Protein backbone atom coordinates (compact mmCIF):
# COMPACT_ATOMS: atom_id res chain seq x y z
CA UNK A 1 -1.32 19.43 8.14
CA UNK A 2 1.58 21.10 6.80
CA UNK A 3 3.83 18.67 8.43
CA UNK A 4 2.34 15.59 7.19
CA UNK A 5 1.72 16.66 3.21
CA UNK A 6 5.01 17.56 2.72
CA UNK A 7 6.42 14.24 3.16
CA UNK A 8 4.27 13.07 0.39
CA UNK A 9 5.07 16.03 -1.69
CA UNK A 10 8.53 14.61 -1.43
CA UNK A 11 7.58 11.06 -2.77
CA UNK A 12 6.99 12.62 -5.96
CA UNK A 13 10.83 13.14 -6.48
CA UNK A 14 11.97 9.82 -4.70
CA UNK A 15 13.42 7.73 -7.66
CA UNK A 16 11.79 5.68 -9.64
CA UNK A 17 7.96 4.51 -8.16
CA UNK A 18 3.97 4.79 -8.35
CA UNK A 19 0.78 4.54 -9.71
CA UNK A 20 -2.45 2.66 -9.59
CA UNK A 21 -4.72 1.69 -6.89
CA UNK A 22 -6.59 -1.82 -6.64
CA UNK A 23 -9.60 -3.36 -7.32
CA UNK A 24 -10.04 -6.55 -5.83
CA UNK A 25 -11.99 -9.67 -7.60
CA UNK A 26 -14.86 -11.00 -5.77
CA UNK A 27 -13.44 -14.52 -7.28
CA UNK A 28 -11.84 -16.21 -4.49
CA UNK A 29 -8.07 -17.38 -5.62
CA UNK A 30 -7.43 -13.87 -7.14
CA UNK A 31 -6.91 -10.31 -6.97
CA UNK A 32 -6.42 -8.04 -9.80
CA UNK A 33 -4.93 -4.27 -10.19
CA UNK A 34 -5.96 -2.54 -13.63
CA UNK A 35 -2.65 -0.60 -13.90
CA UNK A 36 -1.70 2.43 -16.21
CA UNK A 37 1.56 2.99 -18.48
CA UNK A 38 3.51 4.67 -15.23
CA UNK A 39 3.52 4.91 -11.41
CA UNK A 40 0.94 1.83 -9.62
CA UNK A 41 -0.02 0.71 -6.28
CA UNK A 42 -0.38 -2.64 -6.00
CA UNK A 43 0.01 -5.29 -3.23
CA UNK A 44 0.16 -9.07 -2.76
CA UNK A 45 -2.77 -10.23 -0.79
CA UNK A 46 -2.27 -14.23 -2.34
CA UNK A 47 -0.06 -16.81 -1.32
CA UNK A 48 1.34 -17.02 -4.59
CA UNK A 49 5.19 -18.23 -3.96
CA UNK A 50 7.03 -14.84 -4.58
CA UNK A 51 10.07 -14.54 -2.60
CA UNK A 52 12.18 -11.85 -4.31
CA UNK A 53 10.84 -8.48 -6.38
CA UNK A 54 13.14 -9.89 -9.50
CA UNK A 55 10.13 -12.67 -9.56
CA UNK A 56 7.66 -10.56 -10.05
CA UNK A 57 9.35 -8.69 -12.77
CA UNK A 58 9.93 -11.85 -14.97
CA UNK A 59 6.52 -12.50 -14.26
CA UNK A 60 5.53 -9.80 -16.90
CA UNK A 61 8.41 -9.65 -19.35
CA UNK A 62 8.59 -5.93 -21.01
CA UNK A 63 5.60 -4.69 -18.99
CA UNK A 64 7.52 -3.43 -15.89
CA UNK A 65 10.86 -1.90 -15.34
CA UNK A 66 11.04 -0.68 -11.34
CA UNK A 67 9.52 -2.53 -8.58
CA UNK A 68 9.32 -0.48 -5.19
CA UNK A 69 9.09 -0.83 -1.50
CA UNK A 70 8.41 1.63 1.03
CA UNK A 71 11.13 1.32 3.52
CA UNK A 72 9.26 3.03 7.03
CA UNK A 73 12.48 2.84 8.89
CA UNK A 74 14.34 5.09 6.22
CA UNK A 75 11.13 6.72 5.03
CA UNK A 76 12.07 6.27 1.19
CA UNK A 77 11.09 4.32 -1.72
CA UNK A 78 13.94 1.23 -2.60
CA UNK A 79 13.71 0.54 -6.01
CA UNK A 80 14.63 -2.58 -7.97
CA UNK A 81 15.69 -2.23 -11.34
CA UNK A 82 15.03 -3.87 -14.57
CA UNK A 83 18.62 -3.94 -16.35
CA UNK A 84 17.77 -6.06 -19.03
CA UNK A 85 17.50 -9.63 -17.90
CA UNK A 86 18.03 -8.87 -14.28
CA UNK A 87 17.28 -6.79 -11.22
CA UNK A 88 19.50 -4.64 -9.18
CA UNK A 89 18.85 -4.11 -6.60
CA UNK A 90 16.98 -7.05 -5.64
CA UNK A 91 14.76 -7.56 -2.60
CA UNK A 92 12.49 -9.74 -0.24
CA UNK A 93 8.92 -9.42 -1.22
CA UNK A 94 5.85 -11.54 0.84
CA UNK A 95 1.96 -11.84 1.08
CA UNK A 96 0.70 -8.70 2.31
CA UNK A 97 3.05 -6.30 0.85
CA UNK A 98 2.33 -3.14 -0.96
CA UNK A 99 4.34 -2.15 -4.00
CA UNK A 100 4.62 0.46 -6.47
CA UNK A 101 5.04 -0.65 -9.61
CA UNK A 102 6.15 1.32 -12.60
CA UNK A 103 4.57 -0.08 -15.97
CA UNK A 104 5.99 0.21 -19.70
CA UNK A 105 2.16 -0.23 -20.88
CA UNK A 106 -0.93 -0.63 -19.54
CA UNK A 107 -1.62 -3.83 -17.79
CA UNK A 108 -3.81 -6.02 -15.40
CA UNK A 109 -1.22 -6.79 -12.32
CA UNK A 110 -3.04 -10.57 -10.49
CA UNK A 111 -1.81 -11.43 -6.97
CA UNK A 112 -3.16 -15.67 -7.75
CA UNK A 113 -2.69 -17.91 -5.48
CA UNK A 114 -4.10 -19.55 -2.01
CA UNK A 115 -5.72 -17.54 0.26
CA UNK A 116 -3.68 -16.37 3.49
CA UNK A 117 -3.32 -18.67 6.69
CA UNK A 118 -2.93 -15.80 8.47
CA UNK A 119 -4.06 -12.02 7.41
CA UNK A 120 -0.87 -9.47 7.32
CA UNK A 121 -0.34 -7.81 10.25
CA UNK A 122 1.40 -4.32 9.89
CA UNK A 123 4.30 -3.14 12.64
CA UNK A 124 3.57 1.01 12.13
CA UNK A 125 6.02 3.62 12.63
CA UNK A 126 5.61 7.45 13.87
CA UNK A 127 5.50 8.34 9.90
CA UNK A 128 4.38 6.83 6.84
CA UNK A 129 3.36 3.37 6.36
CA UNK A 130 2.30 1.51 3.44
CA UNK A 131 -0.44 -1.26 4.32
CA UNK A 132 -2.98 -3.40 2.91
CA UNK A 133 -7.01 -3.97 3.90
CA UNK A 134 -6.72 -7.65 4.80
CA UNK A 135 -8.81 -10.11 2.77
CA UNK A 136 -10.99 -10.53 5.84
CA UNK A 137 -11.72 -7.17 6.73
CA UNK A 138 -14.31 -6.38 4.37
CA UNK A 139 -16.13 -3.98 6.80
CA UNK A 140 -13.96 -1.22 6.50
CA UNK A 141 -15.71 0.48 3.55
CA UNK A 142 -14.39 3.98 3.88
CA UNK A 143 -11.02 5.61 4.59
CA UNK A 144 -12.64 6.92 7.96
CA UNK A 145 -13.69 3.13 8.93
CA UNK A 146 -10.35 2.05 8.26
CA UNK A 147 -8.72 5.68 10.51
CA UNK A 148 -11.34 4.42 12.95
CA UNK A 149 -10.12 1.17 12.86
CA UNK A 150 -6.42 1.87 13.22
CA UNK A 151 -6.47 4.24 15.74
CA UNK A 152 -3.54 5.94 15.45
CA UNK A 153 -3.84 7.82 11.78
CA UNK A 154 -4.60 11.26 10.86
CA UNK A 155 -4.42 10.82 7.31
CA UNK A 156 -5.02 7.75 4.97
CA UNK A 157 -3.69 7.56 1.15
CA UNK A 158 -4.57 6.56 -1.84
CA UNK A 159 -2.69 6.55 -4.84
CA UNK A 160 -4.68 8.31 -8.18
CA UNK A 161 -2.82 6.91 -11.14
CA UNK A 162 -5.12 8.24 -13.71
CA UNK A 163 -3.28 11.70 -12.48
CA UNK A 164 -0.24 10.09 -10.84
CA UNK A 165 -0.59 11.89 -7.41
CA UNK A 166 -1.66 10.82 -3.95
CA UNK A 167 -5.59 11.70 -2.76
CA UNK A 168 -5.64 12.32 1.19
CA UNK A 169 -8.43 11.91 3.70
CA UNK A 170 -7.61 13.64 6.66
CA UNK A 171 -8.81 13.33 10.12
CA UNK A 172 -10.50 16.80 10.88
CA UNK A 173 -11.67 15.95 14.57
CA UNK A 174 -14.14 13.81 14.42
CA UNK A 175 -14.79 13.13 10.76
CA UNK A 176 -12.50 12.19 7.36
CA UNK A 177 -12.31 14.89 5.01
CA UNK A 178 -12.63 14.23 1.63
CA UNK A 179 -13.54 10.20 2.52
CA UNK A 180 -13.06 7.78 0.10
CA UNK A 181 -14.34 4.37 -0.71
CA UNK A 182 -11.70 1.35 0.55
CA UNK A 183 -11.67 -2.65 -0.53
CA UNK A 184 -10.53 -5.70 0.37
CA UNK A 185 -6.87 -5.90 -1.34
CA UNK A 186 -6.38 -2.26 -1.17
CA UNK A 187 -2.93 -0.82 -0.78
CA UNK A 188 -2.83 2.40 1.05
CA UNK A 189 -0.16 5.11 2.31
CA UNK A 190 -0.92 6.28 6.09
CA UNK A 191 0.14 8.65 8.60
CA UNK A 192 0.79 7.27 12.19
CA UNK A 193 1.02 9.56 14.80
CA UNK A 194 2.27 6.46 17.46
CA UNK A 195 4.04 3.13 17.02
CA UNK A 196 1.39 0.21 17.31
CA UNK A 197 0.43 -3.00 15.05
CA UNK A 198 -2.23 -3.59 12.83
CA UNK A 199 -4.81 -5.07 12.60
CA UNK A 200 -3.89 -7.51 15.56
CA UNK A 201 -3.44 -4.61 17.85
CA UNK A 202 -6.98 -1.95 17.30
CA UNK A 203 -8.20 -2.15 21.14
CA UNK A 204 -4.62 -1.09 22.12
CA UNK A 205 -4.37 1.71 19.84
CA UNK A 206 -7.91 2.67 20.68
CA UNK A 207 -6.80 3.04 24.04
CA UNK A 208 -3.63 5.00 23.13
CA UNK A 209 -5.48 7.35 20.61
CA UNK A 210 -7.89 8.38 23.44
CA UNK A 211 -5.39 8.81 26.09
CA UNK A 212 -3.49 11.27 24.24
CA UNK A 213 -6.44 13.58 22.89
C-alpha cells in the first residue's frame, strides 16, 4: 500500500492541477461536471470537436487558468497555462480523455456533442493511469465493480474537489475498502500492477490477474 500511496501524495505537489468529480447527466447529448474554485477532475466523453487544450480554455474565458493531462508514461501532470490570451504549452485532447482543470471560480463544465462512435479504450501502464468510465458501461456502479472489470488494478481513486484530495478504494484481497459509487463519464485515477488494455481486453486482464495470484 505504501508503494501506491506515495505517488498519490506526490501528485499534490506537481504542477498546477486537480479538482471535482463528475455528475453525468442522463440526457443524451451532454455530460455536466460541477466544478469548484480550485482543482477539478473532468472528462471529455462526448464528440465535441475539441482538438487542443486551448480550445477548452477559450470556451471558458477567464474561468479556467490551467488544464492538465496525466502523462502516464512519465508519471507526471502536464499543464497548459492561460498566459493572458494564449495557452502554453498547448497539447492535443480527444474524446474519452480525463483532465484536471484549475477553475478560478465555481463553474459548470460541459462535454456537449454527439455520442462517441467508438467508446474509449485505455492502454494501461504498470503505474498510475487516468481513465474515464465509458458511456456504455452503466453496469460499473462501484469502484469494486470497476476494479474487478479492469482486473489488473489494486487501487481506484476519485478526486474529492470539495476537500481537494484523492479518495482511494483499495483491493484488500477479495473486497474493496472504502468502496464508492461510480457513474458513466466519471474520471478516475487507477493503479495498474501490470500493463494491459481496458475495456477491450477485460478477459485477457482477468486471466493475467488469476495467473499471478
